[in-house]
Structures are given as structure tokens and as C-alpha cells.
Amino acid sequence: MMVEIFMVTRERNCRTIRCVTSPINQGSIAFHQRMGFSIVEGNATVEGVSVQKNYDGRGQDRVLFVKEL
């Protein structure tokens, strides 16, 4: 599925894909990294991962990813 998303993104002349997940979702973090996404440096660290504090509201920290195509 992600490969298809990458193809459609390129076809539409987009060059950047961004994703978001919870810092406790280690499976999602590992998946995104395997797909070539980089973790965007945040303003805090949770569970050893850089996060953006309060991204989804108070106490809702998130891991941000980016992939340049």
C-alpha cells in the first residue's frame, strides 16, 4: 500500500510525505522507518524517541515523520 502511495504522490508532482504516530506505538515507528521515513526532530523525547509535545492537544505527544521522494 505504501508503495502505491509513493507512486501516486510522485505522479501528482508532490515530493514530500509526512506522517504522524503516537510515541508508544513502536510498531508504527518501526514500520515508518523501514519505509524510509525519517523522524522529525521534536521538542521533547518520549520512550527514547523525538516527539512534538502536545501535537494533538494537551498531553498528546506525537512522533512526526517525513520522507522526501
PDB file of N, CA and C in Angstrom:
ATOM      1  N   MET A   1       0.816  -1.189   0.000  1.00  0.00           N
ATOM      2  CA  MET A   1       0.000   0.000   0.000  1.00  0.00           C
ATOM      3  C   MET A   1       0.867   1.262   0.000  1.00  0.00           C
ATOM      4  N   MET A   2       1.907   1.280   0.825  1.00  0.00           N
ATOM      5  CA  MET A   2       2.763   2.473   0.882  1.00  0.00           C
ATOM      6  C   MET A   2       3.452   2.716  -0.457  1.00  0.00           C
ATOM      7  N   VAL A   3       3.840   1.647  -1.136  1.00  0.00           N
ATOM      8  CA  VAL A   3       4.491   1.808  -2.438  1.00  0.00           C
ATOM      9  C   VAL A   3       3.536   2.503  -3.404  1.00  0.00           C
ATOM     10  N   GLU A   4       2.261   2.127  -3.359  1.00  0.00           N
ATOM     11  CA  GLU A   4       1.261   2.775  -4.207  1.00  0.00           C
ATOM     12  C   GLU A   4       1.109   4.250  -3.841  1.00  0.00           C
ATOM     13  N   ILE A   5       1.125   4.537  -2.555  1.00  0.00           N
ATOM     14  CA  ILE A   5       1.028   5.934  -2.112  1.00  0.00           C
ATOM     15  C   ILE A   5       2.214   6.728  -2.642  1.00  0.00           C
ATOM     16  N   PHE A   6       3.407   6.150  -2.581  1.00  0.00           N
ATOM     17  CA  PHE A   6       4.593   6.828  -3.099  1.00  0.00           C
ATOM     18  C   PHE A   6       4.445   7.093  -4.599  1.00  0.00           C
ATOM     19  N   MET A   7       3.943   6.111  -5.341  1.00  0.00           N
ATOM     20  CA  MET A   7       3.782   6.269  -6.790  1.00  0.00           C
ATOM     21  C   MET A   7       2.778   7.372  -7.115  1.00  0.00           C
ATOM     22  N   VAL A   8       1.632   7.358  -6.453  1.00  0.00           N
ATOM     23  CA  VAL A   8       0.606   8.375  -6.705  1.00  0.00           C
ATOM     24  C   VAL A   8       1.131   9.759  -6.324  1.00  0.00           C
ATOM     25  N   THR A   9       1.851   9.819  -5.238  1.00  0.00           N
ATOM     26  CA  THR A   9       2.412  11.097  -4.796  1.00  0.00           C
ATOM     27  C   THR A   9       3.350  11.656  -5.858  1.00  0.00           C
ATOM     28  N   ARG A  10       4.221  10.813  -6.385  1.00  0.00           N
ATOM     29  CA  ARG A  10       5.147  11.255  -7.447  1.00  0.00           C
ATOM     30  C   ARG A  10       4.386  11.680  -8.697  1.00  0.00           C
ATOM     31  N   GLU A  11       3.365  10.898  -9.072  1.00  0.00           N
ATOM     32  CA  GLU A  11       2.571  11.222 -10.263  1.00  0.00           C
ATOM     33  C   GLU A  11       1.925  12.597 -10.149  1.00  0.00           C
ATOM     34  N   ARG A  12       1.628  13.006  -8.939  1.00  0.00           N
ATOM     35  CA  ARG A  12       0.982  14.308  -8.707  1.00  0.00           C
ATOM     36  C   ARG A  12       2.002  15.405  -8.432  1.00  0.00           C
ATOM     37  N   ASN A  13       3.258  15.093  -8.719  1.00  0.00           N
ATOM     38  CA  ASN A  13       4.362  16.041  -8.562  1.00  0.00           C
ATOM     39  C   ASN A  13       4.560  16.527  -7.129  1.00  0.00           C
ATOM     40  N   CYS A  14       4.171  15.714  -6.185  1.00  0.00           N
ATOM     41  CA  CYS A  14       4.461  16.012  -4.781  1.00  0.00           C
ATOM     42  C   CYS A  14       5.798  15.353  -4.452  1.00  0.00           C
ATOM     43  N   ARG A  15       6.558  15.962  -3.618  1.00  0.00           N
ATOM     44  CA  ARG A  15       7.883  15.442  -3.312  1.00  0.00           C
ATOM     45  C   ARG A  15       8.093  15.118  -1.840  1.00  0.00           C
ATOM     46  N   THR A  16       7.118  15.432  -1.000  1.00  0.00           N
ATOM     47  CA  THR A  16       7.271  15.202   0.434  1.00  0.00           C
ATOM     48  C   THR A  16       6.025  14.523   0.989  1.00  0.00           C
ATOM     49  N   ILE A  17       6.248  13.485   1.798  1.00  0.00           N
ATOM     50  CA  ILE A  17       5.150  12.825   2.505  1.00  0.00           C
ATOM     51  C   ILE A  17       5.433  12.962   3.996  1.00  0.00           C
ATOM     52  N   ARG A  18       4.406  13.324   4.745  1.00  0.00           N
ATOM     53  CA  ARG A  18       4.531  13.456   6.201  1.00  0.00           C
ATOM     54  C   ARG A  18       3.527  12.527   6.869  1.00  0.00           C
ATOM     55  N   CYS A  19       3.944  11.940   7.975  1.00  0.00           N
ATOM     56  CA  CYS A  19       3.082  11.039   8.748  1.00  0.00           C
ATOM     57  C   CYS A  19       3.232  11.354  10.231  1.00  0.00           C
ATOM     58  N   VAL A  20       2.276  10.884  11.005  1.00  0.00           N
ATOM     59  CA  VAL A  20       2.254  11.131  12.449  1.00  0.00           C
ATOM     60  C   VAL A  20       1.841   9.843  13.155  1.00  0.00           C
ATOM     61  N   THR A  21       2.462   9.569  14.303  1.00  0.00           N
ATOM     62  CA  THR A  21       2.041   8.442  15.132  1.00  0.00           C
ATOM     63  C   THR A  21       2.297   8.759  16.599  1.00  0.00           C
ATOM     64  N   SER A  22       1.804   7.906  17.442  1.00  0.00           N
ATOM     65  CA  SER A  22       1.990   8.045  18.884  1.00  0.00           C
ATOM     66  C   SER A  22       3.357   7.496  19.289  1.00  0.00           C
ATOM     67  N   PRO A  23       4.015   8.110  20.261  1.00  0.00           N
ATOM     68  CA  PRO A  23       5.331   7.616  20.670  1.00  0.00           C
ATOM     69  C   PRO A  23       5.304   6.240  21.329  1.00  0.00           C
ATOM     70  N   ILE A  24       4.151   5.795  21.777  1.00  0.00           N
ATOM     71  CA  ILE A  24       4.087   4.457  22.378  1.00  0.00           C
ATOM     72  C   ILE A  24       3.838   3.370  21.333  1.00  0.00           C
ATOM     73  N   ASN A  25       3.571   3.770  20.098  1.00  0.00           N
ATOM     74  CA  ASN A  25       3.292   2.806  19.034  1.00  0.00           C
ATOM     75  C   ASN A  25       4.600   2.419  18.337  1.00  0.00           C
ATOM     76  N   GLN A  26       5.370   1.577  19.012  1.00  0.00           N
ATOM     77  CA  GLN A  26       6.678   1.177  18.495  1.00  0.00           C
ATOM     78  C   GLN A  26       6.580   0.459  17.148  1.00  0.00           C
ATOM     79  N   GLY A  27       5.510  -0.284  16.935  1.00  0.00           N
ATOM     80  CA  GLY A  27       5.321  -0.965  15.655  1.00  0.00           C
ATOM     81  C   GLY A  27       5.186   0.020  14.511  1.00  0.00           C
ATOM     82  N   SER A  28       4.426   1.073  14.730  1.00  0.00           N
ATOM     83  CA  SER A  28       4.249   2.100  13.709  1.00  0.00           C
ATOM     84  C   SER A  28       5.550   2.849  13.448  1.00  0.00           C
ATOM     85  N   ILE A  29       6.269   3.154  14.501  1.00  0.00           N
ATOM     86  CA  ILE A  29       7.552   3.848  14.344  1.00  0.00           C
ATOM     87  C   ILE A  29       8.509   2.996  13.514  1.00  0.00           C
ATOM     88  N   ALA A  30       8.609   1.720  13.846  1.00  0.00           N
ATOM     89  CA  ALA A  30       9.495   0.816  13.105  1.00  0.00           C
ATOM     90  C   ALA A  30       9.054   0.689  11.650  1.00  0.00           C
ATOM     91  N   PHE A  31       7.749   0.583  11.422  1.00  0.00           N
ATOM     92  CA  PHE A  31       7.224   0.472  10.062  1.00  0.00           C
ATOM     93  C   PHE A  31       7.607   1.691   9.229  1.00  0.00           C
ATOM     94  N   HIS A  32       7.354   2.873   9.759  1.00  0.00           N
ATOM     95  CA  HIS A  32       7.663   4.090   9.007  1.00  0.00           C
ATOM     96  C   HIS A  32       9.159   4.201   8.710  1.00  0.00           C
ATOM     97  N   GLN A  33       9.978   3.824   9.657  1.00  0.00           N
ATOM     98  CA  GLN A  33      11.419   3.871   9.417  1.00  0.00           C
ATOM     99  C   GLN A  33      11.824   2.859   8.343  1.00  0.00           C
ATOM    100  N   ARG A  34      11.218   1.676   8.351  1.00  0.00           N
ATOM    101  CA  ARG A  34      11.504   0.686   7.298  1.00  0.00           C
ATOM    102  C   ARG A  34      11.082   1.200   5.925  1.00  0.00           C
ATOM    103  N   MET A  35      10.040   2.015   5.892  1.00  0.00           N
ATOM    104  CA  MET A  35       9.550   2.577   4.633  1.00  0.00           C
ATOM    105  C   MET A  35      10.375   3.784   4.173  1.00  0.00           C
ATOM    106  N   GLY A  36      11.389   4.132   4.955  1.00  0.00           N
ATOM    107  CA  GLY A  36      12.288   5.211   4.549  1.00  0.00           C
ATOM    108  C   GLY A  36      11.962   6.576   5.120  1.00  0.00           C
ATOM    109  N   PHE A  37      11.016   6.632   6.046  1.00  0.00           N
ATOM    110  CA  PHE A  37      10.688   7.899   6.689  1.00  0.00           C
ATOM    111  C   PHE A  37      11.732   8.221   7.754  1.00  0.00           C
ATOM    112  N   SER A  38      12.002   9.492   7.922  1.00  0.00           N
ATOM    113  CA  SER A  38      12.884   9.973   8.985  1.00  0.00           C
ATOM    114  C   SER A  38      12.030  10.620  10.063  1.00  0.00           C
ATOM    115  N   ILE A  39      12.464  10.479  11.300  1.00  0.00           N
ATOM    116  CA  ILE A  39      11.768  11.145  12.400  1.00  0.00           C
ATOM    117  C   ILE A  39      12.202  12.606  12.424  1.00  0.00           C
ATOM    118  N   VAL A  40      11.218  13.484  12.439  1.00  0.00           N
ATOM    119  CA  VAL A  40      11.479  14.920  12.508  1.00  0.00           C
ATOM    120  C   VAL A  40      11.858  15.264  13.948  1.00  0.00           C
ATOM    121  N   GLU A  41      12.904  16.037  14.110  1.00  0.00           N
ATOM    122  CA  GLU A  41      13.320  16.425  15.455  1.00  0.00           C
ATOM    123  C   GLU A  41      12.219  17.235  16.126  1.00  0.00           C
ATOM    124  N   GLY A  42      11.835  16.790  17.302  1.00  0.00           N
ATOM    125  CA  GLY A  42      10.783  17.468  18.044  1.00  0.00           C
ATOM    126  C   GLY A  42      11.342  18.334  19.154  1.00  0.00           C
ATOM    127  N   ASN A  43      10.483  18.636  20.109  1.00  0.00           N
ATOM    128  CA  ASN A  43      10.892  19.489  21.218  1.00  0.00           C
ATOM    129  C   ASN A  43      10.949  18.731  22.546  1.00  0.00           C
ATOM    130  N   ALA A  44      10.883  17.389  22.460  1.00  0.00           N
ATOM    131  CA  ALA A  44      10.983  16.550  23.656  1.00  0.00           C
ATOM    132  C   ALA A  44      11.308  15.124  23.219  1.00  0.00           C
ATOM    133  N   THR A  45      11.588  14.274  24.207  1.00  0.00           N
ATOM    134  CA  THR A  45      11.853  12.862  23.942  1.00  0.00           C
ATOM    135  C   THR A  45      10.943  12.022  24.829  1.00  0.00           C
ATOM    136  N   VAL A  46      10.287  11.035  24.223  1.00  0.00           N
ATOM    137  CA  VAL A  46       9.425  10.104  24.948  1.00  0.00           C
ATOM    138  C   VAL A  46       9.802   8.696  24.507  1.00  0.00           C
ATOM    139  N   GLU A  47      10.017   7.813  25.469  1.00  0.00           N
ATOM    140  CA  GLU A  47      10.386   6.430  25.142  1.00  0.00           C
ATOM    141  C   GLU A  47      11.614   6.385  24.229  1.00  0.00           C
ATOM    142  N   GLY A  48      12.499   7.361  24.377  1.00  0.00           N
ATOM    143  CA  GLY A  48      13.713   7.405  23.574  1.00  0.00           C
ATOM    144  C   GLY A  48      13.520   7.908  22.155  1.00  0.00           C
ATOM    145  N   VAL A  49      12.339   8.460  21.867  1.00  0.00           N
ATOM    146  CA  VAL A  49      12.017   8.928  20.517  1.00  0.00           C
ATOM    147  C   VAL A  49      11.712  10.426  20.565  1.00  0.00           C
ATOM    148  N   SER A  50      12.214  11.150  19.580  1.00  0.00           N
ATOM    149  CA  SER A  50      11.936  12.577  19.482  1.00  0.00           C
ATOM    150  C   SER A  50      10.458  12.790  19.156  1.00  0.00           C
ATOM    151  N   VAL A  51       9.802  13.670  19.915  1.00  0.00           N
ATOM    152  CA  VAL A  51       8.372  13.929  19.722  1.00  0.00           C
ATOM    153  C   VAL A  51       8.093  15.422  19.716  1.00  0.00           C
ATOM    154  N   GLN A  52       6.934  15.754  19.190  1.00  0.00           N
ATOM    155  CA  GLN A  52       6.405  17.111  19.296  1.00  0.00           C
ATOM    156  C   GLN A  52       5.393  17.084  20.435  1.00  0.00           C
ATOM    157  N   LYS A  53       5.718  17.787  21.516  1.00  0.00           N
ATOM    158  CA  LYS A  53       4.834  17.810  22.686  1.00  0.00           C
ATOM    159  C   LYS A  53       3.488  18.439  22.337  1.00  0.00           C
ATOM    160  N   ASN A  54       2.434  17.844  22.878  1.00  0.00           N
ATOM    161  CA  ASN A  54       1.073  18.383  22.775  1.00  0.00           C
ATOM    162  C   ASN A  54       0.606  18.597  21.331  1.00  0.00           C
ATOM    163  N   TYR A  55       1.132  17.818  20.409  1.00  0.00           N
ATOM    164  CA  TYR A  55       0.798  17.969  18.982  1.00  0.00           C
ATOM    165  C   TYR A  55      -0.701  17.836  18.730  1.00  0.00           C
ATOM    166  N   ASP A  56      -1.320  16.880  19.394  1.00  0.00           N
ATOM    167  CA  ASP A  56      -2.759  16.639  19.217  1.00  0.00           C
ATOM    168  C   ASP A  56      -3.567  17.115  20.423  1.00  0.00           C
ATOM    169  N   GLY A  57      -3.035  18.074  21.148  1.00  0.00           N
ATOM    170  CA  GLY A  57      -3.706  18.585  22.336  1.00  0.00           C
ATOM    171  C   GLY A  57      -2.870  18.302  23.576  1.00  0.00           C
ATOM    172  N   ARG A  58      -3.294  18.840  24.664  1.00  0.00           N
ATOM    173  CA  ARG A  58      -2.554  18.717  25.920  1.00  0.00           C
ATOM    174  C   ARG A  58      -2.297  17.246  26.270  1.00  0.00           C
ATOM    175  N   GLY A  59      -1.016  16.909  26.427  1.00  0.00           N
ATOM    176  CA  GLY A  59      -0.629  15.552  26.783  1.00  0.00           C
ATOM    177  C   GLY A  59      -0.649  14.561  25.630  1.00  0.00           C
ATOM    178  N   GLN A  60      -0.894  15.043  24.435  1.00  0.00           N
ATOM    179  CA  GLN A  60      -0.988  14.174  23.253  1.00  0.00           C
ATOM    180  C   GLN A  60       0.239  14.374  22.361  1.00  0.00           C
ATOM    181  N   ASP A  61       1.370  13.864  22.829  1.00  0.00           N
ATOM    182  CA  ASP A  61       2.619  13.988  22.086  1.00  0.00           C
ATOM    183  C   ASP A  61       2.582  13.075  20.859  1.00  0.00           C
ATOM    184  N   ARG A  62       3.281  13.482  19.804  1.00  0.00           N
ATOM    185  CA  ARG A  62       3.294  12.688  18.581  1.00  0.00           C
ATOM    186  C   ARG A  62       4.687  12.667  17.964  1.00  0.00           C
ATOM    187  N   VAL A  63       4.973  11.549  17.297  1.00  0.00           N
ATOM    188  CA  VAL A  63       6.190  11.400  16.507  1.00  0.00           C
ATOM    189  C   VAL A  63       5.844  11.844  15.093  1.00  0.00           C
ATOM    190  N   LEU A  64       6.641  12.747  14.549  1.00  0.00           N
ATOM    191  CA  LEU A  64       6.419  13.242  13.194  1.00  0.00           C
ATOM    192  C   LEU A  64       7.464  12.625  12.270  1.00  0.00           C
ATOM    193  N   PHE A  65       7.017  12.225  11.088  1.00  0.00           N
ATOM    194  CA  PHE A  65       7.902  11.618  10.092  1.00  0.00           C
ATOM    195  C   PHE A  65       7.861  12.428   8.810  1.00  0.00           C
ATOM    196  N   VAL A  66       8.942  12.341   8.055  1.00  0.00           N
ATOM    197  CA  VAL A  66       8.986  12.953   6.734  1.00  0.00           C
ATOM    198  C   VAL A  66       9.753  12.026   5.794  1.00  0.00           C
ATOM    199  N   LYS A  67       9.309  12.004   4.545  1.00  0.00           N
ATOM    200  CA  LYS A  67      10.011  11.251   3.503  1.00  0.00           C
ATOM    201  C   LYS A  67      10.026  12.111   2.256  1.00  0.00           C
ATOM    202  N   GLU A  68      11.217  12.374   1.768  1.00  0.00           N
ATOM    203  CA  GLU A  68      11.376  13.115   0.517  1.00  0.00           C
ATOM    204  C   GLU A  68      11.432  12.103  -0.622  1.00  0.00           C
ATOM    205  N   LEU A  69      10.660  12.351  -1.650  1.00  0.00           N
ATOM    206  CA  LEU A  69      10.624  11.430  -2.794  1.00  0.00           C
ATOM    207  C   LEU A  69      11.546  11.892  -3.903  1.00  0.00           C
TER     208      LEU A  69
END
